[in-house]
Amino acid sequence: MNEIWKDIPGYEGKYQVSNLARVKSLPQRIRYQHYNGVEMFRLTYEKILKQRLNHGYPYISLHLGLTGEYKTHKVHRLIAEAFIPNPENKRCVNHKNGVRDDNRLDNLEWATHSENNLHAFRVLKKQAARGEDSGMSKLKESDVREIRRLHKFHCSERQIAKIIGNVDRSTVRGVINGLTWRHVL
């Protein structure tokens, strides 16, 4: 496959991104002030930039210009913005094969948040986090078993909530009525 390069929107003439998920800086003449206050220039050369990972997604830091600051960008988003039209103004970039670091152009598409989540569950067969694996859970599986055991001994929801601690009656009621934690026997 031939590598095609396009300017990164907002960084035209400074940085480009390719359909094969590479990012490069272009040759530039950079103005700076020497320590003695004299204005000087230096030349930079074309260079493929090193990408780093954050939560499995490759990202890159691009120089903003005269401010001396850098801004971090996810590589898949830069590629989508440069190559893929987005007439419906969708906000997410979906990896069709579900591999976060496979940022080739033919693996990317614009999606809504909903489409992106549905793709993960339907196409990639991802499972929703549940029970202790959920970041929202206040209970452990041992707590759920204890709630059910106490309920068999005719303890009230209020008493059980007090014994377990850090939960309210509605959480206890959900466990007892099988609305939550159904996967725990």
N, C-alpha and C. Protein backbone atom coordinates (compact mmCIF):
# COMPACT_ATOMS: atom_id res chain seq x y z
N MET A 1 0.84 -1.18 0.00
CA MET A 1 0.00 0.00 0.00
C MET A 1 0.89 1.25 0.00
N ASN A 2 0.56 2.19 -0.84
CA ASN A 2 1.32 3.44 -0.90
C ASN A 2 0.99 4.32 0.29
N GLU A 3 2.02 4.95 0.81
CA GLU A 3 1.81 5.85 1.93
C GLU A 3 1.46 7.23 1.39
N ILE A 4 0.34 7.77 1.89
CA ILE A 4 -0.13 9.09 1.48
C ILE A 4 -0.04 10.01 2.69
N TRP A 5 0.53 11.19 2.50
CA TRP A 5 0.70 12.16 3.58
C TRP A 5 -0.23 13.33 3.38
N LYS A 6 -0.83 13.82 4.47
CA LYS A 6 -1.67 15.02 4.44
C LYS A 6 -1.32 15.89 5.63
N ASP A 7 -1.49 17.21 5.43
CA ASP A 7 -1.27 18.15 6.53
C ASP A 7 -2.26 17.88 7.66
N ILE A 8 -1.80 18.06 8.88
CA ILE A 8 -2.68 17.94 10.04
C ILE A 8 -3.41 19.27 10.17
N PRO A 9 -4.76 19.24 10.21
CA PRO A 9 -5.51 20.50 10.34
C PRO A 9 -5.06 21.28 11.58
N GLY A 10 -4.78 22.56 11.36
CA GLY A 10 -4.29 23.42 12.42
C GLY A 10 -2.77 23.47 12.50
N TYR A 11 -2.10 22.56 11.82
CA TYR A 11 -0.63 22.50 11.82
C TYR A 11 -0.10 22.46 10.38
N GLU A 12 -0.81 23.05 9.44
CA GLU A 12 -0.44 23.02 8.04
C GLU A 12 0.97 23.56 7.87
N GLY A 13 1.77 22.84 7.09
CA GLY A 13 3.15 23.25 6.82
C GLY A 13 4.12 22.88 7.93
N LYS A 14 3.62 22.35 9.03
CA LYS A 14 4.49 21.97 10.15
C LYS A 14 4.51 20.46 10.39
N TYR A 15 3.32 19.85 10.36
CA TYR A 15 3.21 18.42 10.64
C TYR A 15 2.28 17.77 9.64
N GLN A 16 2.57 16.49 9.32
CA GLN A 16 1.70 15.71 8.45
C GLN A 16 1.47 14.34 9.07
N VAL A 17 0.37 13.73 8.65
CA VAL A 17 -0.01 12.40 9.10
C VAL A 17 -0.24 11.54 7.86
N SER A 18 0.03 10.24 7.98
CA SER A 18 -0.11 9.37 6.82
C SER A 18 -1.26 8.39 7.02
N ASN A 19 -1.69 7.79 5.90
CA ASN A 19 -2.74 6.78 5.93
C ASN A 19 -2.26 5.49 6.60
N LEU A 20 -0.96 5.37 6.84
CA LEU A 20 -0.40 4.20 7.51
C LEU A 20 -0.07 4.49 8.98
N ALA A 21 -0.64 5.58 9.50
CA ALA A 21 -0.59 5.93 10.92
C ALA A 21 0.76 6.43 11.39
N ARG A 22 1.48 7.11 10.52
CA ARG A 22 2.73 7.73 10.95
C ARG A 22 2.55 9.24 10.95
N VAL A 23 3.31 9.92 11.81
CA VAL A 23 3.26 11.37 11.92
C VAL A 23 4.68 11.88 11.72
N LYS A 24 4.80 12.96 10.94
CA LYS A 24 6.13 13.53 10.73
C LYS A 24 6.10 15.04 10.87
N SER A 25 7.25 15.58 11.27
CA SER A 25 7.41 17.03 11.27
C SER A 25 8.06 17.39 9.94
N LEU A 26 7.72 18.56 9.42
CA LEU A 26 8.26 19.02 8.15
C LEU A 26 9.44 19.95 8.41
N PRO A 27 10.32 20.12 7.42
CA PRO A 27 11.43 21.06 7.60
C PRO A 27 10.89 22.46 7.89
N GLN A 28 11.50 23.12 8.85
CA GLN A 28 11.04 24.45 9.25
C GLN A 28 12.22 25.33 9.61
N ARG A 29 12.00 26.60 9.51
CA ARG A 29 12.96 27.60 9.98
C ARG A 29 12.35 28.21 11.23
N ILE A 30 12.96 27.94 12.38
CA ILE A 30 12.39 28.35 13.66
C ILE A 30 13.16 29.54 14.21
N ARG A 31 12.43 30.57 14.57
CA ARG A 31 13.02 31.77 15.14
C ARG A 31 13.04 31.64 16.67
N TYR A 32 14.15 32.03 17.26
CA TYR A 32 14.24 32.00 18.72
C TYR A 32 15.19 33.11 19.17
N GLN A 33 15.18 33.41 20.44
CA GLN A 33 16.09 34.42 20.98
C GLN A 33 17.23 33.73 21.71
N HIS A 34 18.43 34.09 21.35
CA HIS A 34 19.63 33.59 22.00
C HIS A 34 19.67 34.14 23.43
N TYR A 35 20.43 33.53 24.31
CA TYR A 35 20.48 33.97 25.71
C TYR A 35 20.91 35.42 25.86
N ASN A 36 21.65 35.96 24.87
CA ASN A 36 22.08 37.36 24.97
C ASN A 36 21.07 38.31 24.32
N GLY A 37 19.89 37.79 23.94
CA GLY A 37 18.83 38.62 23.40
C GLY A 37 18.83 38.77 21.89
N VAL A 38 19.82 38.21 21.22
CA VAL A 38 19.90 38.31 19.76
C VAL A 38 18.93 37.31 19.14
N GLU A 39 18.15 37.76 18.17
CA GLU A 39 17.21 36.89 17.47
C GLU A 39 17.99 35.99 16.52
N MET A 40 17.73 34.69 16.59
CA MET A 40 18.45 33.72 15.74
C MET A 40 17.45 32.78 15.09
N PHE A 41 17.92 32.00 14.14
CA PHE A 41 17.10 31.02 13.44
C PHE A 41 17.82 29.68 13.43
N ARG A 42 17.04 28.63 13.44
CA ARG A 42 17.63 27.30 13.25
C ARG A 42 16.74 26.52 12.31
N LEU A 43 17.34 25.59 11.58
CA LEU A 43 16.60 24.77 10.64
C LEU A 43 16.32 23.41 11.25
N THR A 44 15.11 22.93 11.04
CA THR A 44 14.79 21.56 11.45
C THR A 44 14.59 20.74 10.18
N TYR A 45 14.72 19.46 10.31
CA TYR A 45 14.60 18.57 9.16
C TYR A 45 13.36 17.71 9.29
N GLU A 46 12.95 17.13 8.18
CA GLU A 46 11.81 16.22 8.21
C GLU A 46 12.16 15.02 9.09
N LYS A 47 11.20 14.66 9.94
CA LYS A 47 11.49 13.59 10.90
C LYS A 47 10.19 12.86 11.25
N ILE A 48 10.23 11.53 11.26
CA ILE A 48 9.11 10.72 11.73
C ILE A 48 9.12 10.80 13.26
N LEU A 49 7.97 11.14 13.82
CA LEU A 49 7.88 11.35 15.27
C LEU A 49 7.54 10.06 16.01
N LYS A 50 8.09 9.95 17.20
CA LYS A 50 7.84 8.79 18.04
C LYS A 50 6.48 8.92 18.72
N GLN A 51 5.72 7.85 18.69
CA GLN A 51 4.39 7.84 19.33
C GLN A 51 4.49 7.10 20.66
N ARG A 52 3.69 7.55 21.61
CA ARG A 52 3.62 6.91 22.92
C ARG A 52 2.21 6.37 23.12
N LEU A 53 2.04 5.53 24.12
CA LEU A 53 0.72 4.95 24.40
C LEU A 53 0.12 5.52 25.67
N ASN A 54 -1.20 5.74 25.63
CA ASN A 54 -1.97 6.15 26.80
C ASN A 54 -3.26 5.36 26.77
N HIS A 55 -3.45 4.46 27.71
CA HIS A 55 -4.60 3.56 27.76
C HIS A 55 -4.73 2.77 26.46
N GLY A 56 -3.61 2.40 25.85
CA GLY A 56 -3.61 1.60 24.63
C GLY A 56 -3.71 2.41 23.35
N TYR A 57 -3.96 3.71 23.44
CA TYR A 57 -4.08 4.56 22.26
C TYR A 57 -2.77 5.30 22.00
N PRO A 58 -2.21 5.20 20.79
CA PRO A 58 -1.02 5.99 20.46
C PRO A 58 -1.36 7.48 20.44
N TYR A 59 -0.46 8.29 20.99
CA TYR A 59 -0.64 9.73 20.96
C TYR A 59 0.69 10.39 20.62
N ILE A 60 0.61 11.66 20.28
CA ILE A 60 1.77 12.42 19.85
C ILE A 60 1.65 13.83 20.41
N SER A 61 2.78 14.46 20.71
CA SER A 61 2.79 15.85 21.16
C SER A 61 3.30 16.73 20.03
N LEU A 62 2.53 17.76 19.69
CA LEU A 62 2.89 18.66 18.60
C LEU A 62 3.15 20.05 19.16
N HIS A 63 4.18 20.70 18.65
CA HIS A 63 4.60 22.03 19.08
C HIS A 63 3.62 23.06 18.55
N LEU A 64 3.17 23.96 19.41
CA LEU A 64 2.16 24.94 19.02
C LEU A 64 2.73 26.16 18.30
N GLY A 65 4.01 26.39 18.39
CA GLY A 65 4.58 27.55 17.70
C GLY A 65 5.38 28.41 18.63
N LEU A 66 5.17 29.73 18.55
CA LEU A 66 6.00 30.68 19.29
C LEU A 66 5.83 30.60 20.80
N THR A 67 4.73 30.00 21.28
CA THR A 67 4.51 29.94 22.73
C THR A 67 5.45 28.95 23.41
N GLY A 68 6.02 28.04 22.65
CA GLY A 68 6.92 27.04 23.23
C GLY A 68 6.19 25.89 23.88
N GLU A 69 4.87 25.84 23.74
CA GLU A 69 4.07 24.79 24.35
C GLU A 69 3.81 23.65 23.36
N TYR A 70 3.46 22.50 23.91
CA TYR A 70 3.09 21.34 23.12
C TYR A 70 1.65 20.96 23.44
N LYS A 71 0.98 20.39 22.46
CA LYS A 71 -0.38 19.89 22.68
C LYS A 71 -0.39 18.42 22.30
N THR A 72 -1.04 17.61 23.12
CA THR A 72 -1.10 16.17 22.90
C THR A 72 -2.34 15.82 22.09
N HIS A 73 -2.16 14.91 21.11
CA HIS A 73 -3.26 14.48 20.25
C HIS A 73 -3.22 12.96 20.11
N LYS A 74 -4.39 12.33 20.07
CA LYS A 74 -4.47 10.92 19.75
C LYS A 74 -4.29 10.76 18.24
N VAL A 75 -3.46 9.81 17.85
CA VAL A 75 -3.09 9.66 16.44
C VAL A 75 -4.30 9.29 15.59
N HIS A 76 -5.18 8.42 16.09
CA HIS A 76 -6.33 8.00 15.27
C HIS A 76 -7.23 9.19 14.95
N ARG A 77 -7.32 10.12 15.86
CA ARG A 77 -8.15 11.31 15.63
C ARG A 77 -7.52 12.22 14.58
N LEU A 78 -6.19 12.39 14.63
CA LEU A 78 -5.50 13.20 13.62
C LEU A 78 -5.69 12.62 12.22
N ILE A 79 -5.61 11.30 12.12
CA ILE A 79 -5.78 10.63 10.82
C ILE A 79 -7.19 10.83 10.31
N ALA A 80 -8.18 10.63 11.17
CA ALA A 80 -9.58 10.80 10.76
C ALA A 80 -9.85 12.23 10.32
N GLU A 81 -9.35 13.20 11.06
CA GLU A 81 -9.59 14.60 10.72
C GLU A 81 -8.92 14.98 9.39
N ALA A 82 -7.79 14.37 9.09
CA ALA A 82 -7.07 14.70 7.85
C ALA A 82 -7.63 13.96 6.64
N PHE A 83 -8.12 12.73 6.81
CA PHE A 83 -8.46 11.89 5.67
C PHE A 83 -9.95 11.61 5.48
N ILE A 84 -10.71 11.53 6.56
CA ILE A 84 -12.09 11.04 6.46
C ILE A 84 -13.08 12.19 6.57
N PRO A 85 -13.91 12.39 5.54
CA PRO A 85 -14.94 13.43 5.64
C PRO A 85 -15.91 13.10 6.79
N ASN A 86 -16.44 14.11 7.43
CA ASN A 86 -17.35 13.92 8.55
C ASN A 86 -18.56 14.84 8.37
N PRO A 87 -19.38 14.60 7.34
CA PRO A 87 -20.51 15.50 7.06
C PRO A 87 -21.57 15.52 8.15
N GLU A 88 -21.68 14.42 8.91
CA GLU A 88 -22.69 14.35 9.98
C GLU A 88 -22.13 14.87 11.31
N ASN A 89 -20.89 15.33 11.30
CA ASN A 89 -20.26 15.91 12.49
C ASN A 89 -20.26 14.96 13.68
N LYS A 90 -19.93 13.69 13.43
CA LYS A 90 -19.85 12.70 14.51
C LYS A 90 -18.60 12.98 15.33
N ARG A 91 -18.66 12.67 16.63
CA ARG A 91 -17.61 13.09 17.55
C ARG A 91 -16.55 12.03 17.85
N CYS A 92 -16.84 10.76 17.59
CA CYS A 92 -15.91 9.69 17.95
C CYS A 92 -15.26 9.10 16.70
N VAL A 93 -14.06 8.56 16.88
CA VAL A 93 -13.39 7.80 15.83
C VAL A 93 -13.37 6.35 16.29
N ASN A 94 -13.98 5.48 15.52
CA ASN A 94 -14.11 4.07 15.87
C ASN A 94 -13.03 3.26 15.16
N HIS A 95 -12.42 2.31 15.88
CA HIS A 95 -11.50 1.34 15.28
C HIS A 95 -12.35 0.14 14.86
N LYS A 96 -12.47 -0.10 13.59
CA LYS A 96 -13.36 -1.15 13.08
C LYS A 96 -13.01 -2.53 13.64
N ASN A 97 -11.71 -2.83 13.77
CA ASN A 97 -11.32 -4.15 14.28
C ASN A 97 -11.16 -4.18 15.80
N GLY A 98 -11.38 -3.04 16.46
CA GLY A 98 -11.33 -2.98 17.92
C GLY A 98 -9.94 -2.89 18.51
N VAL A 99 -8.91 -2.86 17.67
CA VAL A 99 -7.53 -2.78 18.17
C VAL A 99 -7.13 -1.32 18.27
N ARG A 100 -6.92 -0.85 19.48
CA ARG A 100 -6.70 0.58 19.74
C ARG A 100 -5.46 1.15 19.06
N ASP A 101 -4.45 0.33 18.86
CA ASP A 101 -3.22 0.88 18.27
C ASP A 101 -3.10 0.56 16.78
N ASP A 102 -4.16 0.07 16.15
CA ASP A 102 -4.19 -0.14 14.70
C ASP A 102 -4.85 1.08 14.06
N ASN A 103 -4.04 2.08 13.77
CA ASN A 103 -4.56 3.36 13.30
C ASN A 103 -4.45 3.54 11.79
N ARG A 104 -4.38 2.45 11.05
CA ARG A 104 -4.38 2.58 9.59
C ARG A 104 -5.71 3.18 9.15
N LEU A 105 -5.66 3.98 8.10
CA LEU A 105 -6.85 4.69 7.62
C LEU A 105 -8.02 3.75 7.36
N ASP A 106 -7.76 2.60 6.75
CA ASP A 106 -8.87 1.69 6.41
C ASP A 106 -9.49 1.02 7.63
N ASN A 107 -8.92 1.23 8.82
CA ASN A 107 -9.49 0.67 10.05
C ASN A 107 -10.27 1.71 10.86
N LEU A 108 -10.35 2.94 10.36
CA LEU A 108 -10.99 4.01 11.13
C LEU A 108 -12.26 4.50 10.46
N GLU A 109 -13.22 4.95 11.29
CA GLU A 109 -14.46 5.54 10.79
C GLU A 109 -15.00 6.49 11.85
N TRP A 110 -15.75 7.49 11.41
CA TRP A 110 -16.42 8.39 12.34
C TRP A 110 -17.64 7.69 12.91
N ALA A 111 -17.95 7.93 14.18
CA ALA A 111 -19.09 7.31 14.84
C ALA A 111 -19.60 8.23 15.95
N THR A 112 -20.85 8.00 16.33
CA THR A 112 -21.37 8.67 17.51
C THR A 112 -20.93 7.86 18.73
N HIS A 113 -21.11 8.40 19.92
CA HIS A 113 -20.80 7.63 21.14
C HIS A 113 -21.60 6.34 21.16
N SER A 114 -22.87 6.44 20.82
CA SER A 114 -23.74 5.27 20.83
C SER A 114 -23.28 4.22 19.82
N GLU A 115 -22.95 4.65 18.60
CA GLU A 115 -22.46 3.70 17.58
C GLU A 115 -21.16 3.05 18.02
N ASN A 116 -20.30 3.81 18.64
CA ASN A 116 -19.02 3.29 19.12
C ASN A 116 -19.24 2.21 20.19
N ASN A 117 -20.15 2.47 21.14
CA ASN A 117 -20.44 1.49 22.19
C ASN A 117 -21.13 0.26 21.62
N LEU A 118 -22.10 0.45 20.73
CA LEU A 118 -22.78 -0.70 20.12
C LEU A 118 -21.80 -1.56 19.34
N HIS A 119 -20.86 -0.94 18.66
CA HIS A 119 -19.84 -1.68 17.91
C HIS A 119 -19.03 -2.57 18.86
N ALA A 120 -18.67 -2.03 20.02
CA ALA A 120 -17.89 -2.80 20.99
C ALA A 120 -18.66 -4.02 21.49
N PHE A 121 -19.96 -3.86 21.75
CA PHE A 121 -20.74 -4.97 22.29
C PHE A 121 -21.20 -5.95 21.23
N ARG A 122 -21.68 -5.46 20.09
CA ARG A 122 -22.24 -6.34 19.07
C ARG A 122 -21.18 -6.97 18.18
N VAL A 123 -20.28 -6.19 17.68
CA VAL A 123 -19.30 -6.69 16.72
C VAL A 123 -18.11 -7.32 17.42
N LEU A 124 -17.60 -6.66 18.44
CA LEU A 124 -16.40 -7.14 19.11
C LEU A 124 -16.70 -8.07 20.28
N LYS A 125 -17.98 -8.21 20.61
CA LYS A 125 -18.43 -9.11 21.68
C LYS A 125 -17.85 -8.76 23.04
N LYS A 126 -17.68 -7.46 23.31
CA LYS A 126 -17.20 -7.03 24.62
C LYS A 126 -18.32 -7.20 25.63
N GLN A 127 -17.96 -7.48 26.85
CA GLN A 127 -18.92 -7.63 27.92
C GLN A 127 -18.88 -6.41 28.83
N ALA A 128 -20.04 -6.01 29.28
CA ALA A 128 -20.10 -4.88 30.21
C ALA A 128 -19.49 -5.31 31.55
N ALA A 129 -18.79 -4.40 32.19
CA ALA A 129 -18.24 -4.69 33.50
C ALA A 129 -19.40 -4.82 34.48
N ARG A 130 -19.35 -5.85 35.29
CA ARG A 130 -20.41 -6.02 36.27
C ARG A 130 -19.81 -6.54 37.57
N GLY A 131 -20.59 -6.39 38.61
CA GLY A 131 -20.12 -6.85 39.91
C GLY A 131 -18.92 -6.06 40.38
N GLU A 132 -17.96 -6.76 40.96
CA GLU A 132 -16.76 -6.11 41.50
C GLU A 132 -15.93 -5.44 40.41
N ASP A 133 -16.07 -5.90 39.15
CA ASP A 133 -15.30 -5.32 38.05
C ASP A 133 -15.79 -3.94 37.66
N SER A 134 -17.00 -3.60 38.07
CA SER A 134 -17.53 -2.27 37.78
C SER A 134 -16.91 -1.26 38.73
N GLY A 135 -16.49 -0.15 38.20
CA GLY A 135 -15.90 0.88 39.03
C GLY A 135 -16.90 1.52 39.97
N MET A 136 -18.20 1.30 39.73
CA MET A 136 -19.25 1.92 40.54
C MET A 136 -19.67 1.05 41.73
N SER A 137 -19.21 -0.17 41.78
CA SER A 137 -19.68 -1.12 42.78
C SER A 137 -19.19 -0.78 44.19
N LYS A 138 -20.13 -0.83 45.14
CA LYS A 138 -19.78 -0.67 46.55
C LYS A 138 -19.69 -2.02 47.24
N LEU A 139 -20.23 -3.04 46.59
CA LEU A 139 -20.27 -4.37 47.18
C LEU A 139 -19.25 -5.30 46.57
N LYS A 140 -18.92 -6.33 47.34
CA LYS A 140 -18.11 -7.45 46.84
C LYS A 140 -19.03 -8.66 46.79
N GLU A 141 -18.61 -9.68 46.08
CA GLU A 141 -19.44 -10.88 45.99
C GLU A 141 -19.71 -11.48 47.37
N SER A 142 -18.76 -11.39 48.26
CA SER A 142 -18.96 -11.91 49.62
C SER A 142 -20.05 -11.11 50.34
N ASP A 143 -20.13 -9.79 50.08
CA ASP A 143 -21.19 -8.96 50.68
C ASP A 143 -22.56 -9.39 50.17
N VAL A 144 -22.64 -9.70 48.88
CA VAL A 144 -23.92 -10.10 48.27
C VAL A 144 -24.39 -11.41 48.90
N ARG A 145 -23.49 -12.35 49.08
CA ARG A 145 -23.85 -13.63 49.70
C ARG A 145 -24.31 -13.42 51.15
N GLU A 146 -23.64 -12.50 51.84
CA GLU A 146 -24.01 -12.20 53.23
C GLU A 146 -25.39 -11.54 53.28
N ILE A 147 -25.69 -10.64 52.35
CA ILE A 147 -27.02 -10.00 52.30
C ILE A 147 -28.09 -11.06 52.13
N ARG A 148 -27.87 -11.99 51.22
CA ARG A 148 -28.87 -13.05 50.98
C ARG A 148 -29.01 -13.97 52.20
N ARG A 149 -27.90 -14.26 52.85
CA ARG A 149 -27.93 -15.12 54.04
C ARG A 149 -28.72 -14.43 55.15
N LEU A 150 -28.44 -13.14 55.39
CA LEU A 150 -29.15 -12.40 56.43
C LEU A 150 -30.64 -12.29 56.12
N HIS A 151 -30.98 -12.13 54.84
CA HIS A 151 -32.39 -12.03 54.44
C HIS A 151 -33.14 -13.34 54.77
N LYS A 152 -32.47 -14.47 54.63
CA LYS A 152 -33.09 -15.76 54.96
C LYS A 152 -33.42 -15.84 56.45
N PHE A 153 -32.65 -15.13 57.28
CA PHE A 153 -32.90 -15.11 58.72
C PHE A 153 -33.85 -13.98 59.11
N HIS A 154 -34.57 -13.45 58.13
CA HIS A 154 -35.62 -12.44 58.33
C HIS A 154 -35.12 -11.12 58.89
N CYS A 155 -33.90 -10.75 58.53
CA CYS A 155 -33.40 -9.41 58.88
C CYS A 155 -34.04 -8.40 57.94
N SER A 156 -34.32 -7.21 58.43
CA SER A 156 -34.91 -6.18 57.58
C SER A 156 -33.83 -5.58 56.67
N GLU A 157 -34.28 -4.90 55.62
CA GLU A 157 -33.34 -4.24 54.70
C GLU A 157 -32.49 -3.22 55.46
N ARG A 158 -33.11 -2.52 56.39
CA ARG A 158 -32.40 -1.52 57.17
C ARG A 158 -31.32 -2.17 58.03
N GLN A 159 -31.66 -3.29 58.69
CA GLN A 159 -30.69 -4.00 59.52
C GLN A 159 -29.52 -4.52 58.68
N ILE A 160 -29.86 -5.08 57.53
CA ILE A 160 -28.82 -5.62 56.65
C ILE A 160 -27.89 -4.51 56.18
N ALA A 161 -28.46 -3.37 55.77
CA ALA A 161 -27.65 -2.24 55.30
C ALA A 161 -26.70 -1.78 56.40
N LYS A 162 -27.18 -1.78 57.64
CA LYS A 162 -26.35 -1.36 58.77
C LYS A 162 -25.23 -2.36 59.02
N ILE A 163 -25.53 -3.66 58.92
CA ILE A 163 -24.53 -4.71 59.15
C ILE A 163 -23.45 -4.67 58.07
N ILE A 164 -23.88 -4.57 56.79
CA ILE A 164 -22.93 -4.57 55.68
C ILE A 164 -22.13 -3.27 55.68
N GLY A 165 -22.79 -2.15 55.94
CA GLY A 165 -22.13 -0.85 55.97
C GLY A 165 -21.86 -0.31 54.58
N ASN A 166 -21.84 1.02 54.45
CA ASN A 166 -21.52 1.72 53.20
C ASN A 166 -22.53 1.46 52.07
N VAL A 167 -23.71 0.95 52.39
CA VAL A 167 -24.76 0.76 51.38
C VAL A 167 -26.08 1.23 51.99
N ASP A 168 -27.03 1.55 51.10
CA ASP A 168 -28.34 1.95 51.61
C ASP A 168 -29.35 0.83 51.37
N ARG A 169 -30.57 1.05 51.85
CA ARG A 169 -31.61 0.02 51.77
C ARG A 169 -31.94 -0.35 50.33
N SER A 170 -31.92 0.62 49.42
CA SER A 170 -32.29 0.32 48.04
C SER A 170 -31.28 -0.64 47.40
N THR A 171 -30.01 -0.54 47.78
CA THR A 171 -29.00 -1.47 47.27
C THR A 171 -29.29 -2.88 47.79
N VAL A 172 -29.60 -2.97 49.07
CA VAL A 172 -29.93 -4.27 49.68
C VAL A 172 -31.18 -4.85 49.01
N ARG A 173 -32.19 -4.02 48.78
CA ARG A 173 -33.44 -4.45 48.14
C ARG A 173 -33.16 -4.99 46.74
N GLY A 174 -32.29 -4.31 45.97
CA GLY A 174 -31.95 -4.78 44.62
C GLY A 174 -31.32 -6.15 44.63
N VAL A 175 -30.46 -6.42 45.60
CA VAL A 175 -29.82 -7.73 45.71
C VAL A 175 -30.85 -8.79 46.09
N ILE A 176 -31.69 -8.48 47.08
CA ILE A 176 -32.69 -9.44 47.56
C ILE A 176 -33.69 -9.78 46.47
N ASN A 177 -34.15 -8.79 45.73
CA ASN A 177 -35.17 -9.01 44.69
C ASN A 177 -34.60 -9.49 43.37
N GLY A 178 -33.29 -9.68 43.29
CA GLY A 178 -32.67 -10.19 42.07
C GLY A 178 -32.56 -9.16 40.95
N LEU A 179 -32.66 -7.88 41.28
CA LEU A 179 -32.53 -6.84 40.27
C LEU A 179 -31.05 -6.56 39.96
N THR A 180 -30.20 -6.81 40.92
CA THR A 180 -28.76 -6.63 40.75
C THR A 180 -28.03 -7.87 41.24
N TRP A 181 -26.83 -8.03 40.81
CA TRP A 181 -25.96 -9.13 41.23
C TRP A 181 -26.56 -10.50 40.96
N ARG A 182 -27.33 -10.66 39.89
CA ARG A 182 -27.93 -11.94 39.53
C ARG A 182 -26.90 -13.01 39.20
N HIS A 183 -25.71 -12.56 38.76
CA HIS A 183 -24.67 -13.51 38.35
C HIS A 183 -23.99 -14.18 39.55
N VAL A 184 -24.24 -13.69 40.77
CA VAL A 184 -23.64 -14.29 41.97
C VAL A 184 -24.63 -15.28 42.56
N LEU A 185 -24.18 -16.50 42.72
CA LEU A 185 -25.07 -17.54 43.27
C LEU A 185 -24.91 -17.66 44.76
